[in-house]
Amino acid sequence: MKAYQPLNCDLHDYLEIACMHHYELHIELLRGPAFVARALTTRTAPSKEEFLVVENEGGKVELRLDQLLAITPLDSNASFGRIALAGA
């Protein structure tokens, strides 16, 4: 995997909101199939890589933020719609 590229702070705020409200998200990845999972928290590794921690029927998954293409909250009362994260 290539060197970590930090996410724009403005975009990071959307991830924090999703975690704060435990939104169910449709998650699109740069590589691999899209899937649905509930946002739990974000985490920063000692290496400074940042992760979105989500949970679905398969358990908890950590997704490196620079591998996310977009997130879309599926909750009807969500405060935002689809957010493109890649290339921003």
PDB file of N, CA and C in Angstrom:
ATOM      1  N   MET A   1       0.845  -1.181   0.000  1.00  0.00           N
ATOM      2  CA  MET A   1       0.000   0.000   0.000  1.00  0.00           C
ATOM      3  C   MET A   1       0.890   1.244   0.000  1.00  0.00           C
ATOM      4  N   LYS A   2       0.458   2.268  -0.716  1.00  0.00           N
ATOM      5  CA  LYS A   2       1.249   3.496  -0.821  1.00  0.00           C
ATOM      6  C   LYS A   2       1.258   4.257   0.503  1.00  0.00           C
ATOM      7  N   ALA A   3       2.148   5.238   0.598  1.00  0.00           N
ATOM      8  CA  ALA A   3       2.262   6.049   1.804  1.00  0.00           C
ATOM      9  C   ALA A   3       0.930   6.739   2.102  1.00  0.00           C
ATOM     10  N   TYR A   4       0.643   6.872   3.373  1.00  0.00           N
ATOM     11  CA  TYR A   4      -0.627   7.463   3.805  1.00  0.00           C
ATOM     12  C   TYR A   4      -0.722   8.924   3.393  1.00  0.00           C
ATOM     13  N   GLN A   5      -1.883   9.291   2.851  1.00  0.00           N
ATOM     14  CA  GLN A   5      -2.182  10.670   2.483  1.00  0.00           C
ATOM     15  C   GLN A   5      -3.295  11.175   3.406  1.00  0.00           C
ATOM     16  N   PRO A   6      -3.012  12.132   4.304  1.00  0.00           N
ATOM     17  CA  PRO A   6      -4.032  12.603   5.240  1.00  0.00           C
ATOM     18  C   PRO A   6      -5.259  13.170   4.523  1.00  0.00           C
ATOM     19  N   LEU A   7      -6.388  13.015   5.162  1.00  0.00           N
ATOM     20  CA  LEU A   7      -7.652  13.512   4.643  1.00  0.00           C
ATOM     21  C   LEU A   7      -7.801  14.993   4.990  1.00  0.00           C
ATOM     22  N   ASN A   8      -8.382  15.756   4.092  1.00  0.00           N
ATOM     23  CA  ASN A   8      -8.682  17.172   4.322  1.00  0.00           C
ATOM     24  C   ASN A   8      -9.505  17.307   5.611  1.00  0.00           C
ATOM     25  N   CYS A   9      -9.171  18.272   6.444  1.00  0.00           N
ATOM     26  CA  CYS A   9      -9.851  18.455   7.736  1.00  0.00           C
ATOM     27  C   CYS A   9     -11.354  18.663   7.582  1.00  0.00           C
ATOM     28  N   ASP A  10     -11.779  19.401   6.556  1.00  0.00           N
ATOM     29  CA  ASP A  10     -13.209  19.624   6.342  1.00  0.00           C
ATOM     30  C   ASP A  10     -13.941  18.302   6.118  1.00  0.00           C
ATOM     31  N   LEU A  11     -13.317  17.394   5.386  1.00  0.00           N
ATOM     32  CA  LEU A  11     -13.930  16.094   5.121  1.00  0.00           C
ATOM     33  C   LEU A  11     -13.912  15.218   6.364  1.00  0.00           C
ATOM     34  N   HIS A  12     -12.868  15.354   7.153  1.00  0.00           N
ATOM     35  CA  HIS A  12     -12.760  14.579   8.396  1.00  0.00           C
ATOM     36  C   HIS A  12     -13.948  14.871   9.308  1.00  0.00           C
ATOM     37  N   ASP A  13     -14.430  16.113   9.283  1.00  0.00           N
ATOM     38  CA  ASP A  13     -15.574  16.496  10.121  1.00  0.00           C
ATOM     39  C   ASP A  13     -16.802  15.636   9.814  1.00  0.00           C
ATOM     40  N   TYR A  14     -17.021  15.299   8.547  1.00  0.00           N
ATOM     41  CA  TYR A  14     -18.163  14.452   8.191  1.00  0.00           C
ATOM     42  C   TYR A  14     -18.040  13.065   8.810  1.00  0.00           C
ATOM     43  N   LEU A  15     -16.827  12.539   8.858  1.00  0.00           N
ATOM     44  CA  LEU A  15     -16.617  11.229   9.482  1.00  0.00           C
ATOM     45  C   LEU A  15     -16.911  11.305  10.977  1.00  0.00           C
ATOM     46  N   GLU A  16     -16.493  12.394  11.610  1.00  0.00           N
ATOM     47  CA  GLU A  16     -16.755  12.569  13.042  1.00  0.00           C
ATOM     48  C   GLU A  16     -18.258  12.656  13.315  1.00  0.00           C
ATOM     49  N   ILE A  17     -18.993  13.377  12.468  1.00  0.00           N
ATOM     50  CA  ILE A  17     -20.456  13.478  12.617  1.00  0.00           C
ATOM     51  C   ILE A  17     -21.085  12.103  12.453  1.00  0.00           C
ATOM     52  N   ALA A  18     -20.633  11.348  11.442  1.00  0.00           N
ATOM     53  CA  ALA A  18     -21.175  10.003  11.204  1.00  0.00           C
ATOM     54  C   ALA A  18     -20.946   9.110  12.415  1.00  0.00           C
ATOM     55  N   CYS A  19     -19.769   9.220  13.026  1.00  0.00           N
ATOM     56  CA  CYS A  19     -19.466   8.410  14.208  1.00  0.00           C
ATOM     57  C   CYS A  19     -20.267   8.865  15.424  1.00  0.00           C
ATOM     58  N   MET A  20     -20.388  10.167  15.596  1.00  0.00           N
ATOM     59  CA  MET A  20     -21.111  10.715  16.735  1.00  0.00           C
ATOM     60  C   MET A  20     -22.570  10.236  16.738  1.00  0.00           C
ATOM     61  N   HIS A  21     -23.162  10.131  15.547  1.00  0.00           N
ATOM     62  CA  HIS A  21     -24.555   9.709  15.426  1.00  0.00           C
ATOM     63  C   HIS A  21     -24.698   8.228  15.079  1.00  0.00           C
ATOM     64  N   HIS A  22     -23.573   7.531  14.967  1.00  0.00           N
ATOM     65  CA  HIS A  22     -23.560   6.102  14.600  1.00  0.00           C
ATOM     66  C   HIS A  22     -24.384   5.844  13.349  1.00  0.00           C
ATOM     67  N   TYR A  23     -24.181   6.699  12.336  1.00  0.00           N
ATOM     68  CA  TYR A  23     -24.891   6.530  11.068  1.00  0.00           C
ATOM     69  C   TYR A  23     -24.533   5.199  10.418  1.00  0.00           C
ATOM     70  N   GLU A  24     -25.526   4.601   9.794  1.00  0.00           N
ATOM     71  CA  GLU A  24     -25.275   3.479   8.904  1.00  0.00           C
ATOM     72  C   GLU A  24     -24.833   4.099   7.584  1.00  0.00           C
ATOM     73  N   LEU A  25     -23.699   3.651   7.059  1.00  0.00           N
ATOM     74  CA  LEU A  25     -23.107   4.262   5.874  1.00  0.00           C
ATOM     75  C   LEU A  25     -23.007   3.278   4.715  1.00  0.00           C
ATOM     76  N   HIS A  26     -23.241   3.787   3.524  1.00  0.00           N
ATOM     77  CA  HIS A  26     -22.865   3.073   2.313  1.00  0.00           C
ATOM     78  C   HIS A  26     -21.448   3.558   2.034  1.00  0.00           C
ATOM     79  N   ILE A  27     -20.483   2.638   2.070  1.00  0.00           N
ATOM     80  CA  ILE A  27     -19.069   2.982   1.981  1.00  0.00           C
ATOM     81  C   ILE A  27     -18.511   2.508   0.647  1.00  0.00           C
ATOM     82  N   GLU A  28     -17.971   3.449  -0.107  1.00  0.00           N
ATOM     83  CA  GLU A  28     -17.330   3.136  -1.386  1.00  0.00           C
ATOM     84  C   GLU A  28     -15.820   3.224  -1.191  1.00  0.00           C
ATOM     85  N   LEU A  29     -15.118   2.195  -1.631  1.00  0.00           N
ATOM     86  CA  LEU A  29     -13.665   2.126  -1.494  1.00  0.00           C
ATOM     87  C   LEU A  29     -12.985   2.409  -2.826  1.00  0.00           C
ATOM     88  N   LEU A  30     -11.731   2.858  -2.771  1.00  0.00           N
ATOM     89  CA  LEU A  30     -10.964   3.047  -3.991  1.00  0.00           C
ATOM     90  C   LEU A  30     -10.759   1.707  -4.704  1.00  0.00           C
ATOM     91  N   ARG A  31     -10.547   0.659  -3.915  1.00  0.00           N
ATOM     92  CA  ARG A  31     -10.373  -0.692  -4.456  1.00  0.00           C
ATOM     93  C   ARG A  31     -11.253  -1.641  -3.664  1.00  0.00           C
ATOM     94  N   GLY A  32     -12.090  -2.357  -4.370  1.00  0.00           N
ATOM     95  CA  GLY A  32     -12.949  -3.321  -3.699  1.00  0.00           C
ATOM     96  C   GLY A  32     -14.399  -2.916  -3.760  1.00  0.00           C
ATOM     97  N   PRO A  33     -15.265  -3.843  -3.368  1.00  0.00           N
ATOM     98  CA  PRO A  33     -16.697  -3.584  -3.458  1.00  0.00           C
ATOM     99  C   PRO A  33     -17.191  -2.619  -2.376  1.00  0.00           C
ATOM    100  N   ALA A  34     -18.250  -1.907  -2.687  1.00  0.00           N
ATOM    101  CA  ALA A  34     -18.912  -1.050  -1.693  1.00  0.00           C
ATOM    102  C   ALA A  34     -19.636  -1.951  -0.704  1.00  0.00           C
ATOM    103  N   PHE A  35     -19.872  -1.426   0.493  1.00  0.00           N
ATOM    104  CA  PHE A  35     -20.605  -2.188   1.503  1.00  0.00           C
ATOM    105  C   PHE A  35     -21.263  -1.229   2.486  1.00  0.00           C
ATOM    106  N   VAL A  36     -22.098  -1.794   3.339  1.00  0.00           N
ATOM    107  CA  VAL A  36     -22.828  -1.010   4.334  1.00  0.00           C
ATOM    108  C   VAL A  36     -22.321  -1.394   5.722  1.00  0.00           C
ATOM    109  N   ALA A  37     -22.078  -0.376   6.556  1.00  0.00           N
ATOM    110  CA  ALA A  37     -21.626  -0.611   7.923  1.00  0.00           C
ATOM    111  C   ALA A  37     -21.974   0.602   8.774  1.00  0.00           C
ATOM    112  N   ARG A  38     -22.015   0.393  10.085  1.00  0.00           N
ATOM    113  CA  ARG A  38     -22.320   1.469  11.025  1.00  0.00           C
ATOM    114  C   ARG A  38     -21.018   2.128  11.490  1.00  0.00           C
ATOM    115  N   ALA A  39     -20.978   3.457  11.426  1.00  0.00           N
ATOM    116  CA  ALA A  39     -19.802   4.216  11.859  1.00  0.00           C
ATOM    117  C   ALA A  39     -19.695   4.174  13.386  1.00  0.00           C
ATOM    118  N   LEU A  40     -18.513   3.846  13.889  1.00  0.00           N
ATOM    119  CA  LEU A  40     -18.299   3.788  15.332  1.00  0.00           C
ATOM    120  C   LEU A  40     -17.382   4.896  15.832  1.00  0.00           C
ATOM    121  N   THR A  41     -16.187   4.990  15.251  1.00  0.00           N
ATOM    122  CA  THR A  41     -15.214   5.979  15.712  1.00  0.00           C
ATOM    123  C   THR A  41     -14.111   6.130  14.667  1.00  0.00           C
ATOM    124  N   THR A  42     -13.247   7.092  14.898  1.00  0.00           N
ATOM    125  CA  THR A  42     -12.026   7.207  14.101  1.00  0.00           C
ATOM    126  C   THR A  42     -10.861   6.905  15.030  1.00  0.00           C
ATOM    127  N   ARG A  43      -9.737   6.514  14.427  1.00  0.00           N
ATOM    128  CA  ARG A  43      -8.558   6.156  15.210  1.00  0.00           C
ATOM    129  C   ARG A  43      -7.312   6.612  14.456  1.00  0.00           C
ATOM    130  N   THR A  44      -6.342   7.117  15.201  1.00  0.00           N
ATOM    131  CA  THR A  44      -5.053   7.484  14.619  1.00  0.00           C
ATOM    132  C   THR A  44      -3.997   6.523  15.157  1.00  0.00           C
ATOM    133  N   ALA A  45      -3.284   5.873  14.248  1.00  0.00           N
ATOM    134  CA  ALA A  45      -2.225   4.939  14.619  1.00  0.00           C
ATOM    135  C   ALA A  45      -0.968   5.707  14.998  1.00  0.00           C
ATOM    136  N   PRO A  46      -0.043   5.082  15.720  1.00  0.00           N
ATOM    137  CA  PRO A  46       1.230   5.737  16.047  1.00  0.00           C
ATOM    138  C   PRO A  46       1.969   6.224  14.793  1.00  0.00           C
ATOM    139  N   SER A  47       1.737   5.574  13.659  1.00  0.00           N
ATOM    140  CA  SER A  47       2.368   5.967  12.393  1.00  0.00           C
ATOM    141  C   SER A  47       1.702   7.194  11.766  1.00  0.00           C
ATOM    142  N   LYS A  48       0.659   7.730  12.435  1.00  0.00           N
ATOM    143  CA  LYS A  48      -0.126   8.895  11.987  1.00  0.00           C
ATOM    144  C   LYS A  48      -1.155   8.554  10.914  1.00  0.00           C
ATOM    145  N   GLU A  49      -1.287   7.277  10.553  1.00  0.00           N
ATOM    146  CA  GLU A  49      -2.356   6.863   9.645  1.00  0.00           C
ATOM    147  C   GLU A  49      -3.672   6.951  10.402  1.00  0.00           C
ATOM    148  N   GLU A  50      -4.721   7.408   9.707  1.00  0.00           N
ATOM    149  CA  GLU A  50      -6.036   7.559  10.333  1.00  0.00           C
ATOM    150  C   GLU A  50      -6.994   6.521   9.756  1.00  0.00           C
ATOM    151  N   PHE A  51      -7.887   6.035  10.617  1.00  0.00           N
ATOM    152  CA  PHE A  51      -8.818   4.981  10.247  1.00  0.00           C
ATOM    153  C   PHE A  51     -10.237   5.325  10.677  1.00  0.00           C
ATOM    154  N   LEU A  52     -11.194   4.872   9.880  1.00  0.00           N
ATOM    155  CA  LEU A  52     -12.602   4.894  10.259  1.00  0.00           C
ATOM    156  C   LEU A  52     -12.924   3.485  10.745  1.00  0.00           C
ATOM    157  N   VAL A  53     -13.442   3.385  11.964  1.00  0.00           N
ATOM    158  CA  VAL A  53     -13.819   2.090  12.522  1.00  0.00           C
ATOM    159  C   VAL A  53     -15.326   1.936  12.335  1.00  0.00           C
ATOM    160  N   VAL A  54     -15.712   0.867  11.642  1.00  0.00           N
ATOM    161  CA  VAL A  54     -17.119   0.597  11.359  1.00  0.00           C
ATOM    162  C   VAL A  54     -17.447  -0.828  11.792  1.00  0.00           C
ATOM    163  N   GLU A  55     -18.740  -1.117  11.849  1.00  0.00           N
ATOM    164  CA  GLU A  55     -19.162  -2.465  12.225  1.00  0.00           C
ATOM    165  C   GLU A  55     -20.331  -2.884  11.349  1.00  0.00           C
ATOM    166  N   ASN A  56     -20.259  -4.127  10.878  1.00  0.00           N
ATOM    167  CA  ASN A  56     -21.380  -4.727  10.158  1.00  0.00           C
ATOM    168  C   ASN A  56     -21.538  -6.159  10.654  1.00  0.00           C
ATOM    169  N   GLU A  57     -22.314  -6.961   9.945  1.00  0.00           N
ATOM    170  CA  GLU A  57     -22.569  -8.323  10.412  1.00  0.00           C
ATOM    171  C   GLU A  57     -21.286  -9.148  10.527  1.00  0.00           C
ATOM    172  N   GLY A  58     -20.226  -8.751   9.845  1.00  0.00           N
ATOM    173  CA  GLY A  58     -18.953  -9.461   9.915  1.00  0.00           C
ATOM    174  C   GLY A  58     -18.072  -9.024  11.066  1.00  0.00           C
ATOM    175  N   GLY A  59     -18.497  -8.015  11.827  1.00  0.00           N
ATOM    176  CA  GLY A  59     -17.720  -7.507  12.949  1.00  0.00           C
ATOM    177  C   GLY A  59     -17.155  -6.129  12.667  1.00  0.00           C
ATOM    178  N   LYS A  60     -16.185  -5.728  13.484  1.00  0.00           N
ATOM    179  CA  LYS A  60     -15.559  -4.413  13.339  1.00  0.00           C
ATOM    180  C   LYS A  60     -14.491  -4.458  12.259  1.00  0.00           C
ATOM    181  N   VAL A  61     -14.417  -3.358  11.499  1.00  0.00           N
ATOM    182  CA  VAL A  61     -13.442  -3.219  10.424  1.00  0.00           C
ATOM    183  C   VAL A  61     -12.818  -1.828  10.540  1.00  0.00           C
ATOM    184  N   GLU A  62     -11.500  -1.738  10.352  1.00  0.00           N
ATOM    185  CA  GLU A  62     -10.807  -0.453  10.302  1.00  0.00           C
ATOM    186  C   GLU A  62     -10.461  -0.156   8.855  1.00  0.00           C
ATOM    187  N   LEU A  63     -10.892   1.005   8.382  1.00  0.00           N
ATOM    188  CA  LEU A  63     -10.659   1.420   6.998  1.00  0.00           C
ATOM    189  C   LEU A  63      -9.737   2.627   6.996  1.00  0.00           C
ATOM    190  N   ARG A  64      -8.593   2.504   6.329  1.00  0.00           N
ATOM    191  CA  ARG A  64      -7.672   3.638   6.249  1.00  0.00           C
ATOM    192  C   ARG A  64      -8.342   4.738   5.445  1.00  0.00           C
ATOM    193  N   LEU A  65      -8.350   5.954   5.974  1.00  0.00           N
ATOM    194  CA  LEU A  65      -9.136   7.040   5.385  1.00  0.00           C
ATOM    195  C   LEU A  65      -8.772   7.333   3.942  1.00  0.00           C
ATOM    196  N   ASP A  66      -7.515   7.183   3.569  1.00  0.00           N
ATOM    197  CA  ASP A  66      -7.145   7.492   2.189  1.00  0.00           C
ATOM    198  C   ASP A  66      -7.516   6.371   1.212  1.00  0.00           C
ATOM    199  N   GLN A  67      -8.182   5.331   1.712  1.00  0.00           N
ATOM    200  CA  GLN A  67      -8.676   4.260   0.852  1.00  0.00           C
ATOM    201  C   GLN A  67     -10.186   4.369   0.618  1.00  0.00           C
ATOM    202  N   LEU A  68     -10.793   5.407   1.210  1.00  0.00           N
ATOM    203  CA  LEU A  68     -12.233   5.635   1.050  1.00  0.00           C
ATOM    204  C   LEU A  68     -12.489   6.514  -0.165  1.00  0.00           C
ATOM    205  N   LEU A  69     -13.403   6.106  -1.017  1.00  0.00           N
ATOM    206  CA  LEU A  69     -13.811   6.911  -2.166  1.00  0.00           C
ATOM    207  C   LEU A  69     -14.924   7.868  -1.756  1.00  0.00           C
ATOM    208  N   ALA A  70     -15.938   7.325  -1.039  1.00  0.00           N
ATOM    209  CA  ALA A  70     -17.080   8.151  -0.621  1.00  0.00           C
ATOM    210  C   ALA A  70     -17.850   7.436   0.476  1.00  0.00           C
ATOM    211  N   ILE A  71     -18.599   8.237   1.240  1.00  0.00           N
ATOM    212  CA  ILE A  71     -19.541   7.695   2.224  1.00  0.00           C
ATOM    213  C   ILE A  71     -20.897   8.346   1.985  1.00  0.00           C
ATOM    214  N   THR A  72     -21.947   7.568   2.192  1.00  0.00           N
ATOM    215  CA  THR A  72     -23.316   8.074   2.090  1.00  0.00           C
ATOM    216  C   THR A  72     -24.100   7.567   3.283  1.00  0.00           C
ATOM    217  N   PRO A  73     -24.587   8.459   4.153  1.00  0.00           N
ATOM    218  CA  PRO A  73     -25.395   8.000   5.277  1.00  0.00           C
ATOM    219  C   PRO A  73     -26.743   7.477   4.781  1.00  0.00           C
ATOM    220  N   LEU A  74     -27.178   6.370   5.355  1.00  0.00           N
ATOM    221  CA  LEU A  74     -28.452   5.774   4.977  1.00  0.00           C
ATOM    222  C   LEU A  74     -29.569   6.146   5.939  1.00  0.00           C
ATOM    223  N   ASP A  75     -29.242   6.823   7.029  1.00  0.00           N
ATOM    224  CA  ASP A  75     -30.238   7.265   7.997  1.00  0.00           C
ATOM    225  C   ASP A  75     -31.051   8.414   7.398  1.00  0.00           C
ATOM    226  N   SER A  76     -32.366   8.352   7.516  1.00  0.00           N
ATOM    227  CA  SER A  76     -33.230   9.366   6.905  1.00  0.00           C
ATOM    228  C   SER A  76     -33.042  10.751   7.527  1.00  0.00           C
ATOM    229  N   ASN A  77     -32.579  10.817   8.759  1.00  0.00           N
ATOM    230  CA  ASN A  77     -32.393  12.106   9.432  1.00  0.00           C
ATOM    231  C   ASN A  77     -30.936  12.583   9.395  1.00  0.00           C
ATOM    232  N   ALA A  78     -30.102  12.001   8.526  1.00  0.00           N
ATOM    233  CA  ALA A  78     -28.686  12.371   8.450  1.00  0.00           C
ATOM    234  C   ALA A  78     -28.551  13.854   8.065  1.00  0.00           C
ATOM    235  N   SER A  79     -27.504  14.479   8.604  1.00  0.00           N
ATOM    236  CA  SER A  79     -27.298  15.910   8.372  1.00  0.00           C
ATOM    237  C   SER A  79     -26.495  16.202   7.106  1.00  0.00           C
ATOM    238  N   PHE A  80     -26.123  15.168   6.354  1.00  0.00           N
ATOM    239  CA  PHE A  80     -25.416  15.347   5.089  1.00  0.00           C
ATOM    240  C   PHE A  80     -25.714  14.182   4.172  1.00  0.00           C
ATOM    241  N   GLY A  81     -25.426  14.360   2.887  1.00  0.00           N
ATOM    242  CA  GLY A  81     -25.615  13.308   1.899  1.00  0.00           C
ATOM    243  C   GLY A  81     -24.291  12.679   1.522  1.00  0.00           C
ATOM    244  N   ARG A  82     -24.170  12.214   0.303  1.00  0.00           N
ATOM    245  CA  ARG A  82     -22.935  11.557  -0.161  1.00  0.00           C
ATOM    246  C   ARG A  82     -21.772  12.537  -0.120  1.00  0.00           C
ATOM    247  N   ILE A  83     -20.678  12.077   0.477  1.00  0.00           N
ATOM    248  CA  ILE A  83     -19.456  12.872   0.578  1.00  0.00           C
ATOM    249  C   ILE A  83     -18.347  12.128  -0.145  1.00  0.00           C
ATOM    250  N   ALA A  84     -17.806  12.736  -1.197  1.00  0.00           N
ATOM    251  CA  ALA A  84     -16.658  12.168  -1.912  1.00  0.00           C
ATOM    252  C   ALA A  84     -15.402  12.500  -1.128  1.00  0.00           C
ATOM    253  N   LEU A  85     -14.615  11.487  -0.806  1.00  0.00           N
ATOM    254  CA  LEU A  85     -13.422  11.677   0.003  1.00  0.00           C
ATOM    255  C   LEU A  85     -12.137  11.577  -0.806  1.00  0.00           C
ATOM    256  N   ALA A  86     -12.112  10.781  -1.829  1.00  0.00           N
ATOM    257  CA  ALA A  86     -10.889  10.561  -2.616  1.00  0.00           C
ATOM    258  C   ALA A  86     -10.589  11.763  -3.498  1.00  0.00           C
ATOM    259  N   GLY A  87      -9.316  12.083  -3.577  1.00  0.00           N
ATOM    260  CA  GLY A  87      -8.885  13.154  -4.463  1.00  0.00           C
ATOM    261  C   GLY A  87      -9.215  14.552  -3.980  1.00  0.00           C
ATOM    262  N   ALA A  88      -9.695  14.640  -2.763  1.00  0.00           N
ATOM    263  CA  ALA A  88     -10.073  15.971  -2.239  1.00  0.00           C
ATOM    264  C   ALA A  88      -8.944  16.604  -1.471  1.00  0.00           C
TER     265      ALA A  88
END
